[in-house]
Amino acid sequence: MYQHKLQNQLQARIIIQPDTQCWEWQGQISNSGRGRIMIQSEDGTTRTVSAEDASYLAFIGAIPAKTLVKQSCGNRLCINPEHLDLMELP
């Protein structure tokens, strides 16, 4: 249920680009040019995360420790789960 609610929340704030299939984030944008969103965890706590992290959590699953979610398409506002990859931190 948590993931379904988050999926709906994310999909309400995107525009799909027909040429790239990028899901461009239309919500709040950080100073670094990335989307961000406040989410509520299953335990009821809220936190602000990047839109790409929220999309990964909603459509794919947990983000392992010491990894970053990156867009394979190069579009900082893209949250299409098919364009998201994990990058290990050193």
N, C-alpha and C. Protein backbone atom coordinates (compact mmCIF):
# COMPACT_ATOMS: atom_id res chain seq x y z
N MET A 1 0.82 -1.20 0.00
CA MET A 1 0.00 0.00 0.00
C MET A 1 0.87 1.26 0.00
N TYR A 2 1.94 1.25 0.79
CA TYR A 2 2.84 2.40 0.86
C TYR A 2 3.40 2.72 -0.51
N GLN A 3 3.88 1.69 -1.23
CA GLN A 3 4.47 1.92 -2.54
C GLN A 3 3.43 2.44 -3.53
N HIS A 4 2.22 1.91 -3.47
CA HIS A 4 1.16 2.34 -4.38
C HIS A 4 0.83 3.82 -4.16
N LYS A 5 0.76 4.24 -2.90
CA LYS A 5 0.47 5.64 -2.59
C LYS A 5 1.60 6.54 -3.11
N LEU A 6 2.84 6.11 -2.93
CA LEU A 6 3.97 6.90 -3.40
C LEU A 6 4.01 6.94 -4.92
N GLN A 7 3.68 5.84 -5.58
CA GLN A 7 3.61 5.83 -7.04
C GLN A 7 2.61 6.86 -7.54
N ASN A 8 1.42 6.89 -6.92
CA ASN A 8 0.40 7.86 -7.32
C ASN A 8 0.86 9.30 -7.09
N GLN A 9 1.52 9.52 -5.97
CA GLN A 9 2.02 10.85 -5.62
C GLN A 9 3.04 11.32 -6.67
N LEU A 10 3.91 10.42 -7.10
CA LEU A 10 4.93 10.77 -8.09
C LEU A 10 4.31 10.99 -9.47
N GLN A 11 3.43 10.09 -9.87
CA GLN A 11 2.85 10.17 -11.21
C GLN A 11 1.98 11.42 -11.40
N ALA A 12 1.51 11.99 -10.31
CA ALA A 12 0.71 13.22 -10.39
C ALA A 12 1.59 14.43 -10.68
N ARG A 13 2.91 14.28 -10.58
CA ARG A 13 3.81 15.42 -10.74
C ARG A 13 4.83 15.23 -11.86
N ILE A 14 4.44 14.52 -12.91
CA ILE A 14 5.36 14.31 -14.02
C ILE A 14 4.72 14.68 -15.36
N ILE A 15 5.57 14.94 -16.31
CA ILE A 15 5.18 15.03 -17.72
C ILE A 15 6.07 14.04 -18.46
N ILE A 16 5.45 13.16 -19.24
CA ILE A 16 6.22 12.17 -19.99
C ILE A 16 6.63 12.78 -21.33
N GLN A 17 7.94 12.79 -21.58
CA GLN A 17 8.48 13.30 -22.83
C GLN A 17 8.39 12.20 -23.89
N PRO A 18 7.60 12.40 -24.95
CA PRO A 18 7.38 11.33 -25.92
C PRO A 18 8.63 10.88 -26.67
N ASP A 19 9.58 11.79 -26.89
CA ASP A 19 10.77 11.42 -27.65
C ASP A 19 11.79 10.63 -26.83
N THR A 20 11.85 10.85 -25.52
CA THR A 20 12.85 10.18 -24.67
C THR A 20 12.23 9.20 -23.67
N GLN A 21 10.92 9.29 -23.47
CA GLN A 21 10.21 8.52 -22.45
C GLN A 21 10.65 8.91 -21.03
N CYS A 22 11.31 10.06 -20.89
CA CYS A 22 11.66 10.56 -19.56
C CYS A 22 10.38 11.00 -18.87
N TRP A 23 10.28 10.68 -17.58
CA TRP A 23 9.20 11.17 -16.74
C TRP A 23 9.76 12.41 -16.06
N GLU A 24 9.53 13.59 -16.60
CA GLU A 24 10.13 14.80 -16.05
C GLU A 24 9.36 15.31 -14.84
N TRP A 25 10.08 15.47 -13.77
CA TRP A 25 9.54 15.92 -12.49
C TRP A 25 9.07 17.35 -12.60
N GLN A 26 7.85 17.61 -12.13
CA GLN A 26 7.25 18.94 -12.18
C GLN A 26 7.04 19.53 -10.78
N GLY A 27 7.51 18.83 -9.77
CA GLY A 27 7.36 19.31 -8.40
C GLY A 27 8.53 20.19 -8.00
N GLN A 28 8.82 20.21 -6.72
CA GLN A 28 9.89 21.05 -6.18
C GLN A 28 11.24 20.62 -6.75
N ILE A 29 12.10 21.62 -7.01
CA ILE A 29 13.42 21.36 -7.56
C ILE A 29 14.46 21.97 -6.64
N SER A 30 15.50 21.20 -6.34
CA SER A 30 16.55 21.67 -5.44
C SER A 30 17.49 22.63 -6.17
N ASN A 31 18.38 23.26 -5.43
CA ASN A 31 19.37 24.17 -6.02
C ASN A 31 20.29 23.45 -7.00
N SER A 32 20.45 22.14 -6.84
CA SER A 32 21.32 21.37 -7.73
C SER A 32 20.60 20.97 -9.02
N GLY A 33 19.33 21.34 -9.15
CA GLY A 33 18.58 21.03 -10.36
C GLY A 33 17.92 19.67 -10.38
N ARG A 34 17.85 19.04 -9.23
CA ARG A 34 17.20 17.73 -9.12
C ARG A 34 15.86 17.88 -8.42
N GLY A 35 14.94 17.01 -8.77
CA GLY A 35 13.65 17.03 -8.11
C GLY A 35 13.77 16.58 -6.66
N ARG A 36 12.86 17.06 -5.83
CA ARG A 36 12.83 16.59 -4.45
C ARG A 36 11.38 16.56 -3.98
N ILE A 37 11.15 15.69 -3.01
CA ILE A 37 9.79 15.48 -2.53
C ILE A 37 9.84 15.02 -1.07
N MET A 38 8.84 15.41 -0.32
CA MET A 38 8.71 14.93 1.05
C MET A 38 7.86 13.67 1.02
N ILE A 39 8.38 12.59 1.60
CA ILE A 39 7.65 11.33 1.63
C ILE A 39 7.42 10.91 3.07
N GLN A 40 6.40 10.10 3.24
CA GLN A 40 6.09 9.55 4.56
C GLN A 40 6.45 8.08 4.53
N SER A 41 7.30 7.67 5.47
CA SER A 41 7.69 6.27 5.57
C SER A 41 6.55 5.44 6.14
N GLU A 42 6.70 4.13 6.05
CA GLU A 42 5.67 3.24 6.56
C GLU A 42 5.44 3.43 8.06
N ASP A 43 6.48 3.88 8.78
CA ASP A 43 6.34 4.09 10.23
C ASP A 43 5.74 5.45 10.56
N GLY A 44 5.41 6.26 9.53
CA GLY A 44 4.75 7.53 9.75
C GLY A 44 5.67 8.74 9.78
N THR A 45 6.99 8.52 9.79
CA THR A 45 7.92 9.65 9.79
C THR A 45 8.01 10.24 8.38
N THR A 46 8.28 11.53 8.30
CA THR A 46 8.43 12.18 7.00
C THR A 46 9.87 12.62 6.81
N ARG A 47 10.27 12.65 5.54
CA ARG A 47 11.62 13.11 5.21
C ARG A 47 11.62 13.59 3.77
N THR A 48 12.56 14.45 3.45
CA THR A 48 12.72 14.94 2.09
C THR A 48 13.78 14.10 1.39
N VAL A 49 13.44 13.62 0.20
CA VAL A 49 14.37 12.81 -0.59
C VAL A 49 14.36 13.33 -2.02
N SER A 50 15.34 12.90 -2.79
CA SER A 50 15.34 13.27 -4.20
C SER A 50 14.19 12.55 -4.89
N ALA A 51 13.70 13.16 -5.95
CA ALA A 51 12.59 12.55 -6.69
C ALA A 51 13.01 11.22 -7.30
N GLU A 52 14.28 11.12 -7.73
CA GLU A 52 14.74 9.84 -8.28
C GLU A 52 14.81 8.75 -7.22
N ASP A 53 15.21 9.11 -6.00
CA ASP A 53 15.20 8.14 -4.90
C ASP A 53 13.77 7.69 -4.60
N ALA A 54 12.85 8.64 -4.56
CA ALA A 54 11.45 8.31 -4.29
C ALA A 54 10.90 7.38 -5.37
N SER A 55 11.24 7.64 -6.62
CA SER A 55 10.78 6.79 -7.71
C SER A 55 11.36 5.39 -7.60
N TYR A 56 12.63 5.32 -7.27
CA TYR A 56 13.26 4.00 -7.10
C TYR A 56 12.56 3.23 -5.99
N LEU A 57 12.32 3.89 -4.86
CA LEU A 57 11.64 3.25 -3.73
C LEU A 57 10.23 2.80 -4.11
N ALA A 58 9.53 3.61 -4.88
CA ALA A 58 8.13 3.33 -5.22
C ALA A 58 7.98 2.22 -6.26
N PHE A 59 8.86 2.20 -7.24
CA PHE A 59 8.67 1.29 -8.38
C PHE A 59 9.63 0.11 -8.41
N ILE A 60 10.76 0.20 -7.71
CA ILE A 60 11.75 -0.88 -7.76
C ILE A 60 11.94 -1.53 -6.40
N GLY A 61 12.25 -0.72 -5.37
CA GLY A 61 12.44 -1.27 -4.04
C GLY A 61 13.45 -0.47 -3.25
N ALA A 62 13.94 -1.08 -2.21
CA ALA A 62 14.87 -0.41 -1.29
C ALA A 62 16.17 -0.04 -2.00
N ILE A 63 16.77 1.04 -1.53
CA ILE A 63 18.06 1.49 -2.05
C ILE A 63 19.13 0.97 -1.08
N PRO A 64 20.03 0.12 -1.56
CA PRO A 64 21.04 -0.43 -0.66
C PRO A 64 21.96 0.66 -0.09
N ALA A 65 22.52 0.39 1.07
CA ALA A 65 23.46 1.32 1.69
C ALA A 65 24.65 1.53 0.75
N LYS A 66 25.24 2.71 0.83
CA LYS A 66 26.42 3.09 0.05
C LYS A 66 26.18 3.05 -1.46
N THR A 67 24.96 3.41 -1.86
CA THR A 67 24.66 3.52 -3.29
C THR A 67 23.89 4.81 -3.55
N LEU A 68 24.00 5.31 -4.77
CA LEU A 68 23.25 6.47 -5.22
C LEU A 68 22.37 6.04 -6.39
N VAL A 69 21.21 6.68 -6.52
CA VAL A 69 20.35 6.46 -7.67
C VAL A 69 20.71 7.53 -8.71
N LYS A 70 21.02 7.08 -9.92
CA LYS A 70 21.40 7.99 -11.01
C LYS A 70 20.52 7.72 -12.23
N GLN A 71 20.31 8.76 -13.03
CA GLN A 71 19.54 8.65 -14.26
C GLN A 71 20.47 8.22 -15.40
N SER A 72 20.16 7.09 -16.03
CA SER A 72 20.97 6.62 -17.16
C SER A 72 20.77 7.50 -18.39
N CYS A 73 19.67 8.25 -18.45
CA CYS A 73 19.37 9.12 -19.59
C CYS A 73 20.09 10.46 -19.51
N GLY A 74 20.62 10.80 -18.33
CA GLY A 74 21.31 12.07 -18.15
C GLY A 74 20.41 13.25 -17.83
N ASN A 75 19.11 13.03 -17.75
CA ASN A 75 18.15 14.09 -17.44
C ASN A 75 17.96 14.16 -15.93
N ARG A 76 18.43 15.21 -15.29
CA ARG A 76 18.36 15.33 -13.83
C ARG A 76 16.95 15.33 -13.28
N LEU A 77 15.96 15.65 -14.10
CA LEU A 77 14.57 15.68 -13.64
C LEU A 77 13.81 14.41 -13.97
N CYS A 78 14.46 13.45 -14.60
CA CYS A 78 13.79 12.21 -14.99
C CYS A 78 13.65 11.28 -13.79
N ILE A 79 12.42 10.74 -13.62
CA ILE A 79 12.19 9.76 -12.55
C ILE A 79 11.61 8.46 -13.10
N ASN A 80 11.73 8.24 -14.41
CA ASN A 80 11.27 7.00 -15.01
C ASN A 80 12.08 5.85 -14.42
N PRO A 81 11.43 4.88 -13.77
CA PRO A 81 12.19 3.79 -13.15
C PRO A 81 13.04 3.01 -14.14
N GLU A 82 12.65 3.00 -15.42
CA GLU A 82 13.45 2.32 -16.43
C GLU A 82 14.74 3.07 -16.75
N HIS A 83 14.83 4.32 -16.33
CA HIS A 83 16.03 5.14 -16.56
C HIS A 83 16.89 5.27 -15.30
N LEU A 84 16.54 4.57 -14.23
CA LEU A 84 17.26 4.71 -12.97
C LEU A 84 18.19 3.52 -12.74
N ASP A 85 19.42 3.84 -12.38
CA ASP A 85 20.44 2.83 -12.06
C ASP A 85 21.05 3.14 -10.71
N LEU A 86 21.62 2.13 -10.09
CA LEU A 86 22.32 2.32 -8.84
C LEU A 86 23.81 2.46 -9.12
N MET A 87 24.45 3.37 -8.40
CA MET A 87 25.89 3.58 -8.50
C MET A 87 26.48 3.37 -7.11
N GLU A 88 27.43 2.48 -7.01
CA GLU A 88 28.08 2.20 -5.72
C GLU A 88 29.03 3.33 -5.37
N LEU A 89 29.01 3.70 -4.10
CA LEU A 89 29.95 4.70 -3.59
C LEU A 89 31.23 3.99 -3.16
N PRO A 90 32.36 4.65 -3.30
CA PRO A 90 33.63 4.01 -2.89
C PRO A 90 33.70 3.80 -1.39
